[in-house]
Protein backbone atom coordinates (compact mmCIF):
# COMPACT_ATOMS: atom_id res chain seq x y z
CA MET A 1 82.73 158.01 190.10
CA GLY A 2 80.26 155.28 191.22
CA GLY A 3 79.24 152.31 189.14
CA LYS A 4 80.80 149.24 187.63
CA ARG A 5 84.34 149.07 186.41
CA LEU A 6 84.65 148.75 182.68
CA GLY A 7 85.14 145.25 181.36
CA HIS A 8 83.78 143.49 184.49
CA GLY A 9 80.06 143.21 183.69
CA ARG A 10 78.02 140.12 182.86
CA PHE A 11 78.97 140.36 179.19
CA SER A 12 82.58 141.44 179.52
CA PRO A 13 85.07 139.67 177.22
CA ARG A 14 86.60 137.93 180.24
CA ARG A 15 83.26 136.53 181.48
CA LEU A 16 82.26 135.44 177.99
CA GLU A 17 85.60 133.67 177.60
CA GLN A 18 85.09 131.85 180.92
CA ALA A 19 81.61 130.75 179.88
CA GLU A 20 82.93 129.46 176.56
CA ARG A 21 85.71 127.56 178.33
CA ARG A 22 83.12 125.96 180.66
CA ARG A 23 81.02 124.94 177.63
CA ARG A 24 84.11 123.34 176.06
CA ALA A 25 84.77 121.52 179.34
CA ILE A 26 81.21 120.14 179.25
CA ALA A 27 81.70 118.99 175.65
CA MET A 28 84.96 117.26 176.54
CA ARG A 29 83.37 115.56 179.55
CA LYS A 30 80.47 114.35 177.36
CA ALA A 31 83.05 112.93 174.95
CA GLY A 32 84.60 110.93 177.82
CA ALA A 33 87.56 113.09 178.84
CA SER A 34 88.74 112.89 182.45
CA PHE A 35 88.85 116.03 184.58
CA GLU A 36 92.64 115.82 184.46
CA GLN A 37 92.51 115.85 180.64
CA ILE A 38 90.05 118.76 180.67
CA ALA A 39 92.30 120.72 183.04
CA VAL A 40 95.35 120.24 180.82
CA ALA A 41 93.54 120.94 177.53
CA LEU A 42 91.69 124.06 178.71
CA GLY A 43 94.27 125.52 181.08
CA TYR A 44 92.57 124.90 184.43
CA LYS A 45 94.92 124.86 187.42
CA ASN A 46 94.06 121.25 188.29
CA ARG A 47 91.35 118.61 187.90
CA ALA A 48 89.38 120.03 190.83
CA CYS A 49 89.09 123.37 189.01
CA ALA A 50 87.96 121.55 185.86
CA TRP A 51 85.37 119.64 187.90
CA SER A 52 84.13 122.91 189.46
CA ALA A 53 83.80 124.52 186.04
CA VAL A 54 81.75 121.59 184.73
CA GLN A 55 79.52 121.57 187.84
CA TYR A 56 78.98 125.33 187.64
CA GLU A 57 77.90 125.08 184.00
CA LEU A 58 75.61 122.11 184.70
CA ASP A 59 73.95 123.95 187.60
CA LEU A 60 73.48 127.03 185.45
CA THR A 61 71.98 124.96 182.65
CA ARG A 62 69.59 123.22 185.06
CA ARG A 63 68.40 126.54 186.52
CA GLU A 64 67.84 127.97 183.05
CA SER A 65 66.06 124.80 181.94
CA VAL A 66 63.71 124.80 184.94
CA GLU A 67 62.83 128.46 184.45
CA GLU A 68 62.28 127.89 180.73
CA MET A 69 59.98 124.92 181.42
CA ARG A 70 58.08 126.91 184.04
CA GLU A 71 57.55 129.70 181.52
CA ILE A 72 56.35 127.27 178.82
CA GLU A 73 53.98 125.52 181.22
CA GLY A 74 52.67 128.89 182.41
CA ARG A 75 51.88 129.88 178.82
CA ARG A 76 50.05 126.60 178.27
CA LEU A 77 47.98 127.11 181.39
CA ASP A 78 47.20 130.67 180.28
CA ALA A 79 46.02 129.36 176.89
CA LEU A 80 43.75 126.83 178.60
CA ALA A 81 42.33 129.50 180.90
CA VAL A 82 41.64 131.83 177.96
CA ALA A 83 39.89 129.02 176.06
CA LEU A 84 37.77 128.06 179.08
CA TRP A 85 36.83 131.57 180.25
CA PRO A 86 34.01 132.29 177.72
CA ARG A 87 32.31 129.03 178.73
CA CYS A 88 32.69 129.94 182.41
CA ILE A 89 30.93 133.30 182.04
CA ALA A 90 28.28 132.18 179.50
CA ARG A 91 24.59 132.31 180.38
CA PRO A 92 24.04 129.68 181.69
CA PRO A 93 27.63 128.98 182.79
CA ASP A 94 29.21 125.66 181.87
CA LEU A 95 29.84 124.06 185.27
CA GLU A 96 32.34 121.53 183.87
CA ALA A 97 34.34 124.38 182.30
CA ILE A 98 34.34 126.20 185.64
CA LYS A 99 35.66 123.07 187.40
CA VAL A 100 38.45 122.69 184.86
CA TYR A 101 39.22 126.44 185.01
CA VAL A 102 39.61 126.20 188.80
CA GLN A 103 41.97 123.21 188.38
CA VAL A 104 44.02 125.18 185.83
CA ALA A 105 44.17 128.19 188.18
CA ARG A 106 45.27 125.98 191.09
CA ARG A 107 47.98 124.39 188.97
CA LYS A 108 49.26 127.79 187.87
CA ALA A 109 49.28 129.05 191.46
CA ARG A 110 51.32 125.99 192.51
CA LEU A 111 53.68 126.36 189.53
CA PHE A 112 54.52 129.97 190.40
CA GLY A 113 54.37 129.59 194.20
CA LEU A 114 51.36 131.86 194.59
CA ASP A 115 49.84 129.68 197.32
CA ALA A 116 53.00 129.54 199.42
CA THR A 117 52.49 130.53 203.02
CA PRO A 118 54.12 133.92 203.55
CA PRO A 119 56.73 134.08 206.30
CA PRO A 120 55.49 135.48 209.59
CA THR A 121 55.87 139.22 209.93
CA ALA A 122 57.48 141.02 212.83
CA SER A 123 54.11 142.61 213.62
CA ALA A 124 52.43 139.24 214.15
CA THR A 125 51.88 138.64 217.84
CA ALA A 126 50.53 135.74 219.86
CA THR A 127 49.57 135.39 223.48
CA ALA A 128 49.76 132.14 225.38
CA THR A 129 49.70 131.11 229.01
CA PHE A 130 52.14 128.41 230.03
CA LEU A 131 51.85 126.48 233.24
CA ILE A 132 55.21 125.46 234.63
CA GLN A 133 55.87 122.83 237.23
CA ILE A 134 59.20 122.98 239.07
CA GLY A 135 59.94 119.86 241.08
CA SER A 136 56.88 118.66 243.01
CA SER A 137 55.25 122.10 243.31
CA GLU A 138 51.87 122.94 241.81
CA PRO A 139 51.91 124.20 238.17
CA ARG A 140 52.11 128.00 238.00
CA THR A 141 52.49 130.74 235.38
CA MET A 142 55.89 132.37 234.78
CA GLU A 143 54.75 135.45 236.68
CA GLN A 144 54.15 133.31 239.75
CA LEU A 145 57.65 131.78 239.79
CA THR A 146 60.35 133.05 242.09
CA ASP A 147 63.59 134.32 240.54
CA ASP A 148 65.40 131.10 241.50
CA GLU A 149 62.63 128.94 239.96
CA LEU A 150 62.69 131.02 236.81
CA VAL A 151 66.46 130.58 236.47
CA THR A 152 66.07 126.80 236.98
CA PHE A 153 63.32 126.68 234.32
CA ILE A 154 65.40 128.63 231.79
CA ARG A 155 68.44 126.39 232.34
CA GLU A 156 66.33 123.27 231.75
CA VAL A 157 64.59 124.60 228.64
CA GLU A 158 67.53 126.44 227.04
CA PRO A 159 69.18 123.35 225.44
CA LEU A 160 65.85 122.35 223.88
CA VAL A 161 65.35 125.49 221.81
CA GLU A 162 67.46 127.21 219.17
CA PRO A 163 68.65 130.72 220.00
CA LEU A 164 65.99 133.29 219.18
CA GLN A 165 67.21 136.60 217.75
CA LEU A 166 65.18 139.49 219.13
CA PRO A 167 64.93 142.82 217.32
CA GLU A 168 67.40 145.42 218.57
CA ARG A 169 66.00 148.12 220.78
CA ALA A 170 67.35 151.63 220.93
CA GLY A 171 70.37 151.80 223.21
CA GLN A 172 70.71 148.03 223.62
CA GLY A 173 72.81 145.42 221.89
CA ASP A 174 71.87 142.05 220.47
CA ASP A 175 69.53 140.08 222.77
CA THR A 176 69.61 136.30 222.44
CA LEU A 177 67.41 133.95 224.40
């Protein structure tokens, strides 16, 4: 039978008890208790465990707080956009309203990461020609290098670049440059 075991979900009694214990640890710390005192009072193994519990709860609270603020700010920006829109599409349009609307839209895009540059895709390709000079010879392309010159070039360049993981090809293992 697939699925979660009973009593181990996000809202299981055990998880809820742990969360409550972390909240009590935060309250004790706010009141000036040491981590040693928190550990003894709340049954943590040692002060390091009490410290970890407090840090976990603080991190969780910060994440929730940031998301909540982002949501509130997004609603405010939506309200501004709704109020400005009729003036933007009026005949004649209100150019100042359009300027403000564009600023609101830019702010919202930044707030929600809509303008973030997407990561490069595997299908993206680029072509470049590199001229390589080995010793005192004339610069040449990689295709023009001898095998020995190519090995020398790779050995000199290898420490300068991080390993590049290439996609696996059928029948071959992991290739690393």
